[in-house]
Protein backbone atom coordinates (compact mmCIF):
# COMPACT_ATOMS: atom_id res chain seq x y z
CA UNK A 1 -65.90 3.33 50.19
CA UNK A 2 -63.96 0.79 48.27
CA UNK A 3 -60.60 1.80 46.87
CA UNK A 4 -59.64 0.92 43.36
CA UNK A 5 -56.52 -1.25 43.11
CA UNK A 6 -53.35 0.54 42.10
CA UNK A 7 -52.80 0.55 38.39
CA UNK A 8 -49.33 -0.20 37.12
CA UNK A 9 -48.00 2.52 34.93
CA UNK A 10 -46.62 1.50 31.56
CA UNK A 11 -43.70 3.63 30.46
CA UNK A 12 -43.42 3.70 26.74
CA UNK A 13 -40.02 4.26 25.18
CA UNK A 14 -40.01 7.33 22.96
CA UNK A 15 -40.01 6.43 19.29
CA UNK A 16 -36.70 8.19 18.63
CA UNK A 17 -35.04 6.43 21.58
CA UNK A 18 -36.45 3.09 20.44
CA UNK A 19 -35.06 3.59 16.92
CA UNK A 20 -31.64 4.48 18.32
CA UNK A 21 -31.77 1.38 20.51
CA UNK A 22 -32.70 -0.83 17.55
CA UNK A 23 -30.03 0.80 15.37
CA UNK A 24 -27.42 0.11 18.06
CA UNK A 25 -28.41 -3.55 18.27
CA UNK A 26 -28.61 -3.97 14.50
CA UNK A 27 -25.10 -2.59 14.10
CA UNK A 28 -23.56 -4.95 16.63
CA UNK A 29 -22.08 -7.22 13.95
CA UNK A 30 -20.70 -4.22 12.06
CA UNK A 31 -19.04 -2.81 15.17
CA UNK A 32 -17.55 -6.20 16.06
CA UNK A 33 -16.20 -6.69 12.52
CA UNK A 34 -14.65 -3.26 11.99
CA UNK A 35 -13.35 -3.05 15.53
CA UNK A 36 -11.61 -6.42 15.33
CA UNK A 37 -10.35 -5.69 11.80
CA UNK A 38 -8.70 -2.40 12.80
CA UNK A 39 -7.13 -4.04 15.85
CA UNK A 40 -5.91 -6.94 13.68
CA UNK A 41 -4.35 -4.80 10.95
CA UNK A 42 -2.78 -2.41 13.43
CA UNK A 43 -1.46 -5.24 15.60
CA UNK A 44 0.00 -7.19 12.67
CA UNK A 45 1.55 -4.04 11.17
CA UNK A 46 3.20 -3.29 14.51
CA UNK A 47 4.38 -6.88 14.96
CA UNK A 48 5.68 -6.91 11.38
CA UNK A 49 7.64 -3.68 11.94
CA UNK A 50 9.43 -5.31 14.88
CA UNK A 51 10.08 -8.53 12.95
CA UNK A 52 7.87 -10.66 15.19
CA UNK A 53 5.76 -11.99 12.31
CA UNK A 54 5.84 -11.96 8.52
CA UNK A 55 2.72 -10.28 7.19
CA UNK A 56 1.58 -11.27 3.69
CA UNK A 57 -0.12 -8.02 2.63
CA UNK A 58 -0.33 -9.27 -0.97
CA UNK A 59 -2.99 -11.82 -0.02
CA UNK A 60 -5.54 -9.26 1.08
CA UNK A 61 -6.83 -8.33 -2.38
CA UNK A 62 -8.39 -11.77 -2.85
CA UNK A 63 -10.60 -11.29 0.21
CA UNK A 64 -12.58 -8.32 -1.10
CA UNK A 65 -15.87 -10.34 -1.22
CA UNK A 66 -15.68 -10.63 2.58
CA UNK A 67 -16.02 -6.86 2.90
CA UNK A 68 -19.25 -7.03 0.87
CA UNK A 69 -20.51 -9.71 3.27
CA UNK A 70 -19.59 -7.53 6.24
CA UNK A 71 -21.42 -4.56 4.70
CA UNK A 72 -24.49 -6.75 4.19
CA UNK A 73 -24.45 -7.90 7.81
CA UNK A 74 -24.22 -4.30 8.98
CA UNK A 75 -27.47 -3.25 7.24
CA UNK A 76 -29.59 -6.31 8.01
CA UNK A 77 -32.05 -6.03 10.90
CA UNK A 78 -31.69 -8.90 13.38
CA UNK A 79 -34.46 -8.83 15.98
CA UNK A 80 -34.00 -12.41 17.15
CA UNK A 81 -31.20 -13.01 19.66
CA UNK A 82 -30.14 -16.16 17.79
CA UNK A 83 -29.53 -14.23 14.56
CA UNK A 84 -27.61 -11.57 16.47
CA UNK A 85 -25.31 -14.24 17.87
CA UNK A 86 -24.88 -15.79 14.41
CA UNK A 87 -24.02 -12.39 12.88
CA UNK A 88 -21.35 -11.78 15.52
CA UNK A 89 -19.91 -15.27 14.94
CA UNK A 90 -19.79 -14.62 11.18
CA UNK A 91 -18.02 -11.30 11.79
CA UNK A 92 -15.41 -12.95 14.02
CA UNK A 93 -14.95 -15.77 11.48
CA UNK A 94 -14.44 -13.21 8.69
CA UNK A 95 -11.73 -11.40 10.64
CA UNK A 96 -10.13 -14.78 11.45
CA UNK A 97 -10.03 -15.60 7.72
CA UNK A 98 -8.33 -12.28 7.01
CA UNK A 99 -5.77 -12.99 9.75
CA UNK A 100 -5.13 -16.46 8.29
CA UNK A 101 -4.42 -14.99 4.85
CA UNK A 102 -2.22 -12.17 6.19
CA UNK A 103 -0.11 -14.68 8.09
CA UNK A 104 0.45 -16.79 4.98
CA UNK A 105 -2.03 -19.61 5.57
CA UNK A 106 -3.27 -19.39 1.98
CA UNK A 107 0.21 -20.45 0.82
CA UNK A 108 -0.79 -24.09 1.32
CA UNK A 109 -3.13 -23.77 -1.66
CA UNK A 110 -1.85 -23.73 -5.21
CA UNK A 111 -3.29 -22.40 -8.45
CA UNK A 112 -0.65 -23.41 -10.96
CA UNK A 113 2.99 -23.09 -11.91
CA UNK A 114 4.58 -19.69 -12.49
CA UNK A 115 5.61 -18.46 -15.93
CA UNK A 116 8.47 -16.05 -16.76
CA UNK A 117 8.03 -13.12 -19.16
CA UNK A 118 10.97 -11.04 -20.37
CA UNK A 119 11.01 -7.85 -22.38
CA UNK A 120 13.64 -5.27 -23.35
CA UNK A 121 12.98 -1.70 -24.46
CA UNK A 122 15.75 -0.07 -26.48
CA UNK A 123 16.26 3.66 -26.98
CA UNK A 124 13.80 4.67 -29.71
CA UNK A 125 16.17 7.07 -31.47
CA UNK A 126 19.21 9.28 -31.03
CA UNK A 127 16.84 12.18 -30.31
CA UNK A 128 15.75 10.73 -26.97
CA UNK A 129 16.97 12.85 -24.04
CA UNK A 130 15.01 11.34 -21.13
CA UNK A 131 12.65 8.50 -20.24
CA UNK A 132 9.42 8.10 -18.30
CA UNK A 133 8.82 4.59 -16.94
CA UNK A 134 5.41 3.65 -15.55
CA UNK A 135 4.77 0.37 -13.74
CA UNK A 136 1.23 -0.81 -12.98
CA UNK A 137 2.17 -3.70 -10.71
CA UNK A 138 -1.02 -4.77 -8.96
CA UNK A 139 -0.41 -6.92 -5.90
CA UNK A 140 3.23 -7.91 -6.38
CA UNK A 141 6.75 -8.17 -5.10
CA UNK A 142 8.78 -5.47 -6.84
CA UNK A 143 12.53 -5.19 -7.34
CA UNK A 144 13.73 -2.17 -9.36
CA UNK A 145 17.37 -1.15 -9.82
CA UNK A 146 19.71 0.31 -12.46
CA UNK A 147 22.39 -1.25 -14.65
CA UNK A 148 25.03 -0.27 -17.21
CA UNK A 149 23.05 -1.23 -20.29
CA UNK A 150 22.17 0.15 -23.70
CA UNK A 151 18.46 -0.55 -23.20
CA UNK A 152 16.23 1.98 -21.47
CA UNK A 153 14.60 -0.81 -19.43
CA UNK A 154 14.80 -4.58 -19.11
CA UNK A 155 11.86 -6.22 -17.34
CA UNK A 156 11.29 -9.74 -16.05
CA UNK A 157 7.86 -10.69 -14.73
CA UNK A 158 7.11 -13.99 -13.02
CA UNK A 159 3.52 -14.95 -12.28
CA UNK A 160 1.19 -17.92 -12.02
CA UNK A 161 -1.93 -15.92 -12.92
CA UNK A 162 -0.96 -13.00 -15.19
CA UNK A 163 1.18 -12.07 -18.18
CA UNK A 164 3.32 -9.01 -18.93
CA UNK A 165 2.13 -6.17 -21.15
CA UNK A 166 4.39 -3.42 -22.49
CA UNK A 167 4.00 -0.25 -24.52
CA UNK A 168 6.61 2.28 -25.68
CA UNK A 169 6.01 5.63 -27.34
CA UNK A 170 7.86 8.88 -28.02
CA UNK A 171 6.76 12.41 -27.20
CA UNK A 172 9.30 14.92 -28.46
CA UNK A 173 12.61 13.91 -26.87
CA UNK A 174 10.96 11.80 -24.15
CA UNK A 175 10.47 8.03 -24.43
CA UNK A 176 7.46 6.79 -22.47
CA UNK A 177 7.38 3.15 -21.37
CA UNK A 178 4.52 1.36 -19.63
CA UNK A 179 4.72 -2.04 -17.94
CA UNK A 180 1.59 -3.74 -16.62
CA UNK A 181 0.17 -7.18 -16.06
CA UNK A 182 -2.78 -8.77 -17.77
CA UNK A 183 -4.52 -10.65 -14.98
CA UNK A 184 -6.69 -13.71 -14.94
CA UNK A 185 -9.46 -14.24 -12.41
CA UNK A 186 -8.61 -15.94 -9.14
CA UNK A 187 -10.58 -16.52 -5.98
CA UNK A 188 -8.63 -19.13 -4.03
CA UNK A 189 -5.06 -20.31 -3.85
CA UNK A 190 -1.67 -18.72 -3.44
CA UNK A 191 -0.31 -16.54 -6.20
CA UNK A 192 3.04 -15.17 -7.27
CA UNK A 193 3.62 -11.85 -8.99
CA UNK A 194 7.28 -10.83 -9.10
CA UNK A 195 8.72 -7.86 -10.99
CA UNK A 196 12.47 -7.49 -11.60
CA UNK A 197 13.24 -4.34 -13.62
CA UNK A 198 16.60 -2.85 -14.60
CA UNK A 199 16.66 0.80 -15.71
CA UNK A 200 19.29 2.71 -17.67
CA UNK A 201 21.97 4.80 -16.01
CA UNK A 202 22.55 6.87 -19.15
CA UNK A 203 19.29 8.80 -19.50
CA UNK A 204 17.54 11.02 -16.93
CA UNK A 205 14.47 9.07 -15.80
CA UNK A 206 11.13 9.64 -14.11
CA UNK A 207 9.66 6.55 -12.47
CA UNK A 208 6.02 5.97 -11.49
CA UNK A 209 4.87 2.88 -9.61
CA UNK A 210 1.20 2.09 -9.03
CA UNK A 211 0.71 -1.03 -6.91
CA UNK A 212 -1.67 -2.64 -4.49
CA UNK A 213 -0.48 -4.64 -1.52
CA UNK A 214 3.19 -5.21 -2.23
CA UNK A 215 6.74 -5.64 -1.03
CA UNK A 216 8.99 -3.23 -2.97
CA UNK A 217 12.75 -2.74 -3.04
CA UNK A 218 13.68 0.17 -5.34
CA UNK A 219 17.35 1.14 -5.70
CA UNK A 220 17.86 4.31 -7.76
CA UNK A 221 21.16 5.32 -6.20
CA UNK A 222 22.97 5.15 -9.57
CA UNK A 223 20.17 6.65 -11.67
CA UNK A 224 20.01 10.10 -13.22
CA UNK A 225 16.76 10.74 -11.46
CA UNK A 226 14.23 13.46 -12.22
CA UNK A 227 11.26 12.23 -10.22
CA UNK A 228 9.72 9.24 -8.44
CA UNK A 229 5.99 8.78 -7.87
CA UNK A 230 4.86 5.79 -5.80
CA UNK A 231 1.23 4.94 -5.09
CA UNK A 232 0.77 1.78 -3.02
CA UNK A 233 -1.70 0.09 -0.76
CA UNK A 234 -0.67 -1.95 2.27
CA UNK A 235 3.02 -2.25 1.54
CA UNK A 236 6.60 -2.57 2.61
CA UNK A 237 8.87 -0.17 0.70
CA UNK A 238 12.61 0.44 0.71
CA UNK A 239 13.61 3.31 -1.61
CA UNK A 240 17.30 4.13 -2.09
CA UNK A 241 18.09 7.47 -3.78
CA UNK A 242 21.30 8.88 -5.23
CA UNK A 243 23.04 12.16 -5.96
CA UNK A 244 23.41 12.10 -9.75
CA UNK A 245 21.04 15.05 -10.15
CA UNK A 246 20.78 18.59 -8.78
CA UNK A 247 17.15 18.07 -7.70
CA UNK A 248 14.95 14.99 -7.47
CA UNK A 249 11.26 15.09 -6.54
CA UNK A 250 9.82 12.11 -4.69
CA UNK A 251 6.11 11.54 -4.01
CA UNK A 252 4.87 8.63 -1.90
CA UNK A 253 1.19 7.88 -1.34
CA UNK A 254 0.57 4.77 0.72
CA UNK A 255 -1.81 3.08 3.15
CA UNK A 256 -0.79 0.79 6.00
CA UNK A 257 2.92 0.52 5.28
CA UNK A 258 6.48 0.26 6.41
CA UNK A 259 8.51 2.81 4.44
CA UNK A 260 12.26 3.38 4.48
CA UNK A 261 13.90 6.07 2.32
CA UNK A 262 17.70 6.02 2.09
CA UNK A 263 19.49 9.23 1.00
CA UNK A 264 23.22 9.97 0.53
CA UNK A 265 25.20 11.93 3.09
CA UNK A 266 25.62 15.57 2.09
CA UNK A 267 22.45 15.79 0.00
CA UNK A 268 19.93 18.38 1.18
CA UNK A 269 16.55 16.87 2.03
CA UNK A 270 13.18 18.59 2.42
CA UNK A 271 10.21 16.53 3.63
CA UNK A 272 6.48 17.19 3.69
CA UNK A 273 4.88 14.42 5.76
CA UNK A 274 1.11 14.05 6.01
CA UNK A 275 0.75 10.97 8.17
CA UNK A 276 -1.74 9.05 10.25
CA UNK A 277 -0.91 6.82 13.20
CA UNK A 278 2.77 5.98 12.75
CA UNK A 279 6.27 5.92 14.08
CA UNK A 280 8.92 7.98 12.32
CA UNK A 281 12.69 8.37 12.32
CA UNK A 282 13.94 11.24 10.18
CA UNK A 283 17.76 11.10 10.40
CA UNK A 284 19.17 14.65 10.63
CA UNK A 285 15.99 16.43 9.49
CA UNK A 286 14.61 19.13 11.77
CA UNK A 287 11.01 20.24 11.99
CA UNK A 288 10.38 23.57 10.24
CA UNK A 289 6.56 23.61 10.20
CA UNK A 290 3.50 21.62 11.17
CA UNK A 291 4.23 18.92 8.60
CA UNK A 292 7.57 20.01 7.10
CA UNK A 293 11.15 19.02 7.87
CA UNK A 294 14.55 20.00 6.44
CA UNK A 295 18.13 18.92 6.77
CA UNK A 296 20.67 21.47 7.97
CA UNK A 297 21.97 23.65 5.13
CA UNK A 298 19.28 22.51 2.71
CA UNK A 299 19.04 25.86 0.88
CA UNK A 300 22.77 25.99 0.15
CA UNK A 301 23.08 22.31 -0.85
CA UNK A 302 24.25 21.66 -4.41
CA UNK A 303 22.25 18.41 -4.54
CA UNK A 304 18.71 18.26 -3.19
CA UNK A 305 15.89 15.74 -2.75
CA UNK A 306 12.35 16.93 -2.06
CA UNK A 307 10.03 14.28 -0.59
CA UNK A 308 6.26 14.46 -0.21
CA UNK A 309 4.70 11.57 1.71
CA UNK A 310 0.98 11.00 2.31
CA UNK A 311 0.71 7.85 4.37
CA UNK A 312 -1.74 6.07 6.64
CA UNK A 313 -0.93 3.71 9.50
CA UNK A 314 2.78 3.41 8.90
CA UNK A 315 6.36 3.27 9.99
CA UNK A 316 8.30 5.96 8.13
CA UNK A 317 12.09 6.20 8.18
CA UNK A 318 14.67 8.39 6.47
CA UNK A 319 18.23 7.22 6.89
CA UNK A 320 21.61 8.39 5.57
CA UNK A 321 24.19 6.18 3.88
């Protein structure tokens, strides 16, 4: 009796498993891109905090088309090994371009000479009792301080791609002032946006700053301060506060940042800190809850500063002066 030759069994991969396998391969470029990008941003932020490199966060906004390219690569289906290799190379090249911009390589390109714009806002009337100043700064370097002046605000804006826009209005006894920049379109080349603003020391003020990637130095130590609201992207911020008010409210909302808040000795400080991956130094503040901190004797302090900070990957510091 003749025996039939052994038949080789063919094991078919379940359809669901096959789809998962294909999905894993098709997302290789996406994983490479986002993995390298997070490592890059975190590594440069850490190196910048220790002064090892100078990170140009303000250059990032011009690279937004690269994120669209990365999203496109992540949804394309590459069955051929050659295309998979090309997609990974493109992902690595994209991250390399971002690193080049963040380290200032774009500074070798030029898009034109900078122009200066100056404006002064005087007190609207003798009925004005306080002022609200709003700055829509975009991606900029920002320097805000106070001065002994009759004007509510004096602003200087220097840019090689935008111009200064200003509005002033009155609501009851409050004068509301808005500064912003009217931008042109730019894809390549280095840019310069620099704000230098002097605020009054005579009127109680509330300051709001809305900015993208920026480097900000804000000194309000001599201001009669009601409130500060800061909304920034990837930024470096130094904020110096004073004691010319019984209570000042400070709100900071920021992404990948290095933030330093300076407060006077003897002023009570309460902090609510909702943070991501970061390092923090909080002077004499002690933890009172999951996300709350207070200085000793806060409740009995004659002068108080309440700070709310919602931050991402950051270095956050409170220091006394």
